[in-house]
Amino acid sequence: MSTESRDSSRRTSGDAEEPSAKMPLDVSGKLGPFDKFATKASEFASRAPFFLMCILLVLIWAPTVIWLKVDTWQLIINTTTTIITFLMVALLQNTESRNDAAVQQKLNALAHGLAELMEHTADRDGSHDLDEARKELRRAVGLEDEESA
């Protein structure tokens, strides 16, 4: 089915007040520069080389207690780990939010497709129960918007 015919069938089928779900093929895969950077950083941070770099950082830092005052020695590692943690939380939150949004779009598309299938089956069989279930499913698709408000 072409995008145009799929879009027009979504506009004409179902309840008028319900927004149509974006189908996975309708979603743009383009990422901005920060999103690309956050994705690469997340991929790097989840691999063994990043963990090994963290261990190396601690191994380099630990012997400096000989040359530094204890307060300075502790301040160096505390400041370094705080900065790294702060930046990683921001980057990982970005990728997690995008992943959550992608999963929600896929679930909405599945629910939308199921609702359309239920509508066609209800029209063919004249089942009032199936029509009520379809309406409930369509109301549930927008539930994530109501819950976040």
N, C-alpha and C. Protein backbone atom coordinates (compact mmCIF):
# COMPACT_ATOMS: atom_id res chain seq x y z
N MET A 1 0.85 -1.17 0.00
CA MET A 1 0.00 0.00 0.00
C MET A 1 0.89 1.23 0.00
N SER A 2 0.60 2.19 -0.86
CA SER A 2 1.43 3.39 -0.93
C SER A 2 1.17 4.29 0.28
N THR A 3 2.10 5.20 0.51
CA THR A 3 1.98 6.12 1.65
C THR A 3 0.75 6.99 1.51
N GLU A 4 0.48 7.46 0.27
CA GLU A 4 -0.68 8.32 0.06
C GLU A 4 -1.98 7.60 0.36
N SER A 5 -2.13 6.36 -0.12
CA SER A 5 -3.38 5.64 0.12
C SER A 5 -3.50 5.25 1.57
N ARG A 6 -2.35 4.95 2.23
CA ARG A 6 -2.39 4.60 3.64
C ARG A 6 -2.80 5.82 4.46
N ASP A 7 -2.26 7.02 4.10
CA ASP A 7 -2.61 8.23 4.80
C ASP A 7 -4.08 8.57 4.64
N SER A 8 -4.60 8.42 3.42
CA SER A 8 -6.00 8.74 3.20
C SER A 8 -6.92 7.75 3.90
N SER A 9 -6.51 6.46 3.96
CA SER A 9 -7.35 5.49 4.66
C SER A 9 -7.35 5.76 6.15
N ARG A 10 -6.24 6.28 6.68
CA ARG A 10 -6.19 6.61 8.10
C ARG A 10 -7.05 7.82 8.40
N ARG A 11 -7.11 8.75 7.47
CA ARG A 11 -7.92 9.95 7.70
C ARG A 11 -9.41 9.64 7.64
N THR A 12 -9.80 8.69 6.81
CA THR A 12 -11.22 8.43 6.63
C THR A 12 -11.74 7.34 7.55
N SER A 13 -10.86 6.45 8.04
CA SER A 13 -11.36 5.38 8.89
C SER A 13 -11.24 5.76 10.34
N GLY A 14 -12.09 5.16 11.15
CA GLY A 14 -11.98 5.35 12.59
C GLY A 14 -12.74 6.57 13.06
N ASP A 15 -12.54 6.89 14.33
CA ASP A 15 -13.23 8.01 14.95
C ASP A 15 -12.60 9.32 14.50
N ALA A 16 -13.41 10.31 14.22
CA ALA A 16 -12.93 11.58 13.71
C ALA A 16 -12.08 12.31 14.75
N GLU A 17 -12.41 12.17 16.04
CA GLU A 17 -11.67 12.91 17.06
C GLU A 17 -10.32 12.27 17.39
N GLU A 18 -10.09 11.05 16.95
CA GLU A 18 -8.85 10.34 17.26
C GLU A 18 -7.76 10.69 16.24
N PRO A 19 -6.58 11.13 16.69
CA PRO A 19 -5.49 11.37 15.74
C PRO A 19 -4.96 10.03 15.24
N SER A 20 -4.55 10.01 13.98
CA SER A 20 -4.05 8.75 13.44
C SER A 20 -2.63 8.53 13.92
N ALA A 21 -2.29 7.28 14.18
CA ALA A 21 -0.94 6.94 14.64
C ALA A 21 0.02 7.01 13.47
N LYS A 22 1.22 7.44 13.76
CA LYS A 22 2.25 7.44 12.71
C LYS A 22 2.69 6.02 12.50
N MET A 23 2.76 5.63 11.28
CA MET A 23 3.26 4.31 10.96
C MET A 23 4.78 4.37 10.97
N PRO A 24 5.46 3.26 11.28
CA PRO A 24 6.93 3.28 11.35
C PRO A 24 7.61 3.82 10.09
N LEU A 25 7.04 3.57 8.93
CA LEU A 25 7.64 4.07 7.70
C LEU A 25 7.45 5.58 7.54
N ASP A 26 6.48 6.16 8.29
CA ASP A 26 6.22 7.59 8.20
C ASP A 26 7.15 8.41 9.08
N VAL A 27 7.90 7.76 9.96
CA VAL A 27 8.75 8.47 10.91
C VAL A 27 10.11 8.74 10.27
N SER A 28 10.54 9.97 10.38
CA SER A 28 11.84 10.36 9.82
C SER A 28 12.95 9.78 10.68
N GLY A 29 13.97 9.24 10.05
CA GLY A 29 15.09 8.67 10.77
C GLY A 29 16.24 9.66 10.93
N LYS A 30 16.01 10.92 10.59
CA LYS A 30 17.08 11.91 10.65
C LYS A 30 17.31 12.36 12.09
N LEU A 31 18.59 12.39 12.46
CA LEU A 31 18.97 12.83 13.80
C LEU A 31 19.78 14.11 13.69
N GLY A 32 19.64 14.96 14.69
CA GLY A 32 20.43 16.17 14.77
C GLY A 32 21.85 15.84 15.23
N PRO A 33 22.74 16.82 15.19
CA PRO A 33 24.13 16.59 15.59
C PRO A 33 24.27 16.11 17.04
N PHE A 34 23.50 16.71 17.96
CA PHE A 34 23.59 16.27 19.35
C PHE A 34 23.08 14.84 19.52
N ASP A 35 21.99 14.51 18.84
CA ASP A 35 21.45 13.15 18.91
C ASP A 35 22.45 12.13 18.38
N LYS A 36 23.12 12.47 17.29
CA LYS A 36 24.14 11.57 16.73
C LYS A 36 25.29 11.39 17.73
N PHE A 37 25.74 12.52 18.31
CA PHE A 37 26.82 12.45 19.29
C PHE A 37 26.40 11.63 20.51
N ALA A 38 25.18 11.86 21.00
CA ALA A 38 24.69 11.12 22.17
C ALA A 38 24.61 9.63 21.88
N THR A 39 24.19 9.27 20.68
CA THR A 39 24.11 7.86 20.30
C THR A 39 25.49 7.22 20.28
N LYS A 40 26.44 7.90 19.66
CA LYS A 40 27.82 7.37 19.60
C LYS A 40 28.42 7.26 21.01
N ALA A 41 28.20 8.28 21.83
CA ALA A 41 28.73 8.25 23.20
C ALA A 41 28.10 7.13 24.01
N SER A 42 26.81 6.92 23.83
CA SER A 42 26.12 5.84 24.53
C SER A 42 26.65 4.48 24.09
N GLU A 43 26.87 4.33 22.80
CA GLU A 43 27.43 3.07 22.29
C GLU A 43 28.83 2.84 22.85
N PHE A 44 29.64 3.90 22.90
CA PHE A 44 31.01 3.77 23.41
C PHE A 44 31.01 3.46 24.90
N ALA A 45 30.14 4.14 25.66
CA ALA A 45 30.11 3.96 27.11
C ALA A 45 29.60 2.58 27.52
N SER A 46 28.91 1.91 26.64
CA SER A 46 28.36 0.59 26.98
C SER A 46 29.31 -0.55 26.59
N ARG A 47 30.50 -0.21 26.14
CA ARG A 47 31.47 -1.22 25.70
C ARG A 47 32.62 -1.35 26.71
N ALA A 48 33.35 -2.43 26.60
CA ALA A 48 34.47 -2.72 27.49
C ALA A 48 35.58 -1.67 27.44
N PRO A 49 35.93 -1.08 26.29
CA PRO A 49 37.01 -0.07 26.28
C PRO A 49 36.75 1.11 27.22
N PHE A 50 35.50 1.54 27.31
CA PHE A 50 35.18 2.64 28.22
C PHE A 50 35.42 2.22 29.67
N PHE A 51 34.99 1.03 30.01
CA PHE A 51 35.20 0.52 31.36
C PHE A 51 36.69 0.40 31.66
N LEU A 52 37.45 -0.09 30.70
CA LEU A 52 38.90 -0.19 30.88
C LEU A 52 39.54 1.18 31.05
N MET A 53 39.03 2.19 30.33
CA MET A 53 39.55 3.55 30.50
C MET A 53 39.27 4.05 31.91
N CYS A 54 38.11 3.74 32.44
CA CYS A 54 37.77 4.14 33.81
C CYS A 54 38.70 3.48 34.81
N ILE A 55 38.98 2.19 34.62
CA ILE A 55 39.91 1.49 35.50
C ILE A 55 41.30 2.10 35.38
N LEU A 56 41.72 2.41 34.17
CA LEU A 56 43.03 3.02 33.95
C LEU A 56 43.11 4.38 34.65
N LEU A 57 42.04 5.14 34.58
CA LEU A 57 42.00 6.44 35.26
C LEU A 57 42.22 6.27 36.76
N VAL A 58 41.56 5.30 37.36
CA VAL A 58 41.73 5.05 38.79
C VAL A 58 43.15 4.56 39.09
N LEU A 59 43.68 3.71 38.23
CA LEU A 59 45.05 3.20 38.46
C LEU A 59 46.10 4.31 38.33
N ILE A 60 45.86 5.27 37.48
CA ILE A 60 46.77 6.42 37.35
C ILE A 60 46.61 7.35 38.56
N TRP A 61 45.38 7.53 39.00
CA TRP A 61 45.09 8.44 40.10
C TRP A 61 45.58 7.89 41.44
N ALA A 62 45.39 6.63 41.72
CA ALA A 62 45.66 6.05 43.04
C ALA A 62 47.09 6.31 43.54
N PRO A 63 48.13 6.10 42.76
CA PRO A 63 49.49 6.33 43.28
C PRO A 63 49.84 7.80 43.53
N THR A 64 49.03 8.73 43.00
CA THR A 64 49.35 10.15 43.19
C THR A 64 49.17 10.58 44.64
N VAL A 65 48.64 9.72 45.49
CA VAL A 65 48.52 10.03 46.92
C VAL A 65 49.89 10.30 47.54
N ILE A 66 50.93 9.74 46.95
CA ILE A 66 52.29 9.93 47.45
C ILE A 66 52.72 11.39 47.29
N TRP A 67 52.32 12.05 46.19
CA TRP A 67 52.77 13.41 45.88
C TRP A 67 51.78 14.49 46.30
N LEU A 68 50.53 14.11 46.47
CA LEU A 68 49.50 15.12 46.76
C LEU A 68 49.02 15.00 48.21
N LYS A 69 48.48 16.10 48.71
CA LYS A 69 47.82 16.05 50.01
C LYS A 69 46.57 15.19 49.86
N VAL A 70 46.16 14.58 50.94
CA VAL A 70 44.99 13.68 50.88
C VAL A 70 43.75 14.43 50.41
N ASP A 71 43.56 15.65 50.89
CA ASP A 71 42.38 16.42 50.46
C ASP A 71 42.41 16.69 48.95
N THR A 72 43.54 17.07 48.42
CA THR A 72 43.68 17.32 46.99
C THR A 72 43.51 16.03 46.21
N TRP A 73 44.08 14.97 46.72
CA TRP A 73 44.00 13.66 46.07
C TRP A 73 42.55 13.21 45.94
N GLN A 74 41.76 13.36 47.01
CA GLN A 74 40.34 12.98 46.97
C GLN A 74 39.55 13.94 46.09
N LEU A 75 39.87 15.21 46.14
CA LEU A 75 39.16 16.19 45.33
C LEU A 75 39.30 15.90 43.83
N ILE A 76 40.47 15.47 43.42
CA ILE A 76 40.70 15.17 42.00
C ILE A 76 39.77 14.06 41.53
N ILE A 77 39.72 12.94 42.25
CA ILE A 77 38.87 11.83 41.78
C ILE A 77 37.39 12.16 41.92
N ASN A 78 37.02 12.85 42.99
CA ASN A 78 35.60 13.21 43.17
C ASN A 78 35.13 14.16 42.08
N THR A 79 35.94 15.15 41.76
CA THR A 79 35.57 16.10 40.72
C THR A 79 35.50 15.42 39.35
N THR A 80 36.49 14.61 39.06
CA THR A 80 36.53 13.91 37.77
C THR A 80 35.32 13.00 37.59
N THR A 81 35.04 12.19 38.59
CA THR A 81 33.91 11.26 38.47
C THR A 81 32.57 12.00 38.44
N THR A 82 32.46 13.10 39.17
CA THR A 82 31.22 13.87 39.15
C THR A 82 30.96 14.46 37.77
N ILE A 83 32.00 15.02 37.17
CA ILE A 83 31.85 15.61 35.83
C ILE A 83 31.49 14.53 34.81
N ILE A 84 32.19 13.41 34.83
CA ILE A 84 31.90 12.32 33.89
C ILE A 84 30.48 11.81 34.09
N THR A 85 30.08 11.62 35.33
CA THR A 85 28.72 11.14 35.62
C THR A 85 27.68 12.13 35.14
N PHE A 86 27.89 13.40 35.41
CA PHE A 86 26.95 14.44 35.00
C PHE A 86 26.76 14.44 33.48
N LEU A 87 27.86 14.39 32.74
CA LEU A 87 27.77 14.41 31.28
C LEU A 87 27.15 13.12 30.74
N MET A 88 27.51 11.99 31.31
CA MET A 88 26.97 10.71 30.83
C MET A 88 25.47 10.61 31.09
N VAL A 89 25.00 11.13 32.22
CA VAL A 89 23.56 11.10 32.50
C VAL A 89 22.81 11.89 31.43
N ALA A 90 23.33 13.05 31.07
CA ALA A 90 22.67 13.86 30.04
C ALA A 90 22.64 13.13 28.70
N LEU A 91 23.75 12.53 28.31
CA LEU A 91 23.80 11.82 27.04
C LEU A 91 22.93 10.57 27.04
N LEU A 92 23.00 9.81 28.11
CA LEU A 92 22.20 8.59 28.18
C LEU A 92 20.71 8.89 28.27
N GLN A 93 20.34 9.98 28.94
CA GLN A 93 18.94 10.37 29.00
C GLN A 93 18.41 10.71 27.61
N ASN A 94 19.24 11.36 26.80
CA ASN A 94 18.84 11.68 25.44
C ASN A 94 18.53 10.42 24.65
N THR A 95 19.44 9.45 24.69
CA THR A 95 19.22 8.23 23.91
C THR A 95 18.05 7.42 24.47
N GLU A 96 17.91 7.40 25.78
CA GLU A 96 16.79 6.67 26.39
C GLU A 96 15.45 7.29 26.01
N SER A 97 15.38 8.61 26.01
CA SER A 97 14.13 9.29 25.64
C SER A 97 13.77 9.00 24.19
N ARG A 98 14.76 9.01 23.31
CA ARG A 98 14.49 8.71 21.90
C ARG A 98 14.06 7.25 21.73
N ASN A 99 14.68 6.34 22.47
CA ASN A 99 14.29 4.93 22.41
C ASN A 99 12.86 4.73 22.90
N ASP A 100 12.51 5.40 24.01
CA ASP A 100 11.15 5.30 24.53
C ASP A 100 10.13 5.82 23.52
N ALA A 101 10.45 6.95 22.89
CA ALA A 101 9.53 7.53 21.90
C ALA A 101 9.37 6.59 20.70
N ALA A 102 10.46 5.95 20.27
CA ALA A 102 10.38 5.03 19.14
C ALA A 102 9.52 3.81 19.48
N VAL A 103 9.70 3.27 20.67
CA VAL A 103 8.89 2.12 21.10
C VAL A 103 7.42 2.53 21.17
N GLN A 104 7.14 3.71 21.71
CA GLN A 104 5.75 4.16 21.82
C GLN A 104 5.13 4.34 20.43
N GLN A 105 5.89 4.87 19.47
CA GLN A 105 5.37 5.02 18.11
C GLN A 105 5.05 3.66 17.50
N LYS A 106 5.90 2.67 17.76
CA LYS A 106 5.65 1.33 17.23
C LYS A 106 4.42 0.72 17.87
N LEU A 107 4.27 0.89 19.18
CA LEU A 107 3.08 0.37 19.86
C LEU A 107 1.81 1.05 19.35
N ASN A 108 1.89 2.37 19.16
CA ASN A 108 0.72 3.09 18.63
C ASN A 108 0.37 2.61 17.23
N ALA A 109 1.37 2.37 16.39
CA ALA A 109 1.11 1.89 15.04
C ALA A 109 0.47 0.50 15.08
N LEU A 110 0.95 -0.36 15.97
CA LEU A 110 0.35 -1.70 16.12
C LEU A 110 -1.09 -1.59 16.60
N ALA A 111 -1.34 -0.75 17.59
CA ALA A 111 -2.69 -0.58 18.11
C ALA A 111 -3.60 0.01 17.04
N HIS A 112 -3.08 0.95 16.27
CA HIS A 112 -3.86 1.56 15.19
C HIS A 112 -4.23 0.50 14.15
N GLY A 113 -3.25 -0.31 13.76
CA GLY A 113 -3.52 -1.37 12.78
C GLY A 113 -4.51 -2.38 13.31
N LEU A 114 -4.38 -2.74 14.59
CA LEU A 114 -5.32 -3.68 15.20
C LEU A 114 -6.72 -3.08 15.25
N ALA A 115 -6.81 -1.79 15.57
CA ALA A 115 -8.11 -1.12 15.61
C ALA A 115 -8.76 -1.12 14.23
N GLU A 116 -7.97 -0.88 13.18
CA GLU A 116 -8.51 -0.91 11.82
C GLU A 116 -9.00 -2.31 11.46
N LEU A 117 -8.21 -3.33 11.84
CA LEU A 117 -8.63 -4.71 11.58
C LEU A 117 -9.91 -5.03 12.33
N MET A 118 -10.01 -4.58 13.57
CA MET A 118 -11.22 -4.81 14.36
C MET A 118 -12.42 -4.09 13.74
N GLU A 119 -12.16 -2.89 13.21
CA GLU A 119 -13.25 -2.12 12.58
C GLU A 119 -13.78 -2.86 11.34
N HIS A 120 -12.86 -3.36 10.51
CA HIS A 120 -13.28 -4.09 9.32
C HIS A 120 -14.02 -5.37 9.70
N THR A 121 -13.55 -6.06 10.71
CA THR A 121 -14.21 -7.29 11.16
C THR A 121 -15.57 -6.99 11.75
N ALA A 122 -15.67 -5.91 12.54
CA ALA A 122 -16.95 -5.53 13.14
C ALA A 122 -17.95 -5.11 12.07
N ASP A 123 -17.47 -4.39 11.04
CA ASP A 123 -18.36 -3.98 9.94
C ASP A 123 -18.89 -5.20 9.20
N ARG A 124 -18.02 -6.18 8.99
CA ARG A 124 -18.41 -7.37 8.25
C ARG A 124 -19.35 -8.26 9.07
N ASP A 125 -19.04 -8.42 10.36
CA ASP A 125 -19.83 -9.33 11.20
C ASP A 125 -20.97 -8.62 11.92
N GLY A 126 -20.93 -7.30 11.98
CA GLY A 126 -21.96 -6.55 12.69
C GLY A 126 -21.86 -6.72 14.20
N SER A 127 -20.66 -6.96 14.71
CA SER A 127 -20.46 -7.20 16.13
C SER A 127 -20.33 -5.88 16.88
N HIS A 128 -21.29 -5.63 17.78
CA HIS A 128 -21.27 -4.41 18.59
C HIS A 128 -20.15 -4.48 19.65
N ASP A 129 -19.91 -5.66 20.21
CA ASP A 129 -18.86 -5.83 21.23
C ASP A 129 -17.47 -5.52 20.64
N LEU A 130 -17.24 -5.98 19.43
CA LEU A 130 -15.96 -5.72 18.78
C LEU A 130 -15.79 -4.24 18.48
N ASP A 131 -16.89 -3.57 18.12
CA ASP A 131 -16.83 -2.14 17.86
C ASP A 131 -16.50 -1.37 19.13
N GLU A 132 -17.06 -1.79 20.26
CA GLU A 132 -16.75 -1.14 21.55
C GLU A 132 -15.29 -1.39 21.93
N ALA A 133 -14.79 -2.58 21.69
CA ALA A 133 -13.38 -2.90 21.98
C ALA A 133 -12.45 -2.06 21.10
N ARG A 134 -12.84 -1.86 19.86
CA ARG A 134 -12.05 -1.03 18.95
C ARG A 134 -11.99 0.41 19.45
N LYS A 135 -13.11 0.95 19.89
CA LYS A 135 -13.14 2.32 20.41
C LYS A 135 -12.26 2.44 21.66
N GLU A 136 -12.32 1.44 22.51
CA GLU A 136 -11.48 1.44 23.72
C GLU A 136 -10.00 1.40 23.35
N LEU A 137 -9.66 0.60 22.37
CA LEU A 137 -8.27 0.52 21.91
C LEU A 137 -7.81 1.86 21.36
N ARG A 138 -8.65 2.52 20.57
CA ARG A 138 -8.29 3.83 20.02
C ARG A 138 -8.11 4.87 21.13
N ARG A 139 -8.93 4.79 22.18
CA ARG A 139 -8.76 5.72 23.31
C ARG A 139 -7.44 5.43 24.03
N ALA A 140 -7.05 4.18 24.13
CA ALA A 140 -5.83 3.79 24.84
C ALA A 140 -4.58 4.23 24.09
N VAL A 141 -4.66 4.37 22.79
CA VAL A 141 -3.48 4.78 22.00
C VAL A 141 -3.00 6.15 22.44
N GLY A 142 -3.89 7.06 22.78
CA GLY A 142 -3.49 8.39 23.21
C GLY A 142 -3.22 8.49 24.70
N LEU A 143 -3.25 7.38 25.41
CA LEU A 143 -3.10 7.39 26.86
C LEU A 143 -1.76 7.94 27.32
N GLU A 144 -0.68 7.69 26.58
CA GLU A 144 0.62 8.18 27.02
C GLU A 144 0.67 9.70 27.04
N ASP A 145 -0.10 10.36 26.17
CA ASP A 145 -0.15 11.82 26.18
C ASP A 145 -0.87 12.33 27.42
N GLU A 146 -1.97 11.66 27.81
CA GLU A 146 -2.71 12.05 29.00
C GLU A 146 -1.91 11.80 30.26
N GLU A 147 -1.16 10.69 30.30
CA GLU A 147 -0.39 10.35 31.50
C GLU A 147 0.76 11.30 31.71
N SER A 148 1.34 11.82 30.64
CA SER A 148 2.50 12.71 30.80
C SER A 148 2.07 14.15 31.09
N ALA A 149 0.80 14.45 30.91
CA ALA A 149 0.34 15.83 31.14
C ALA A 149 0.19 16.14 32.61
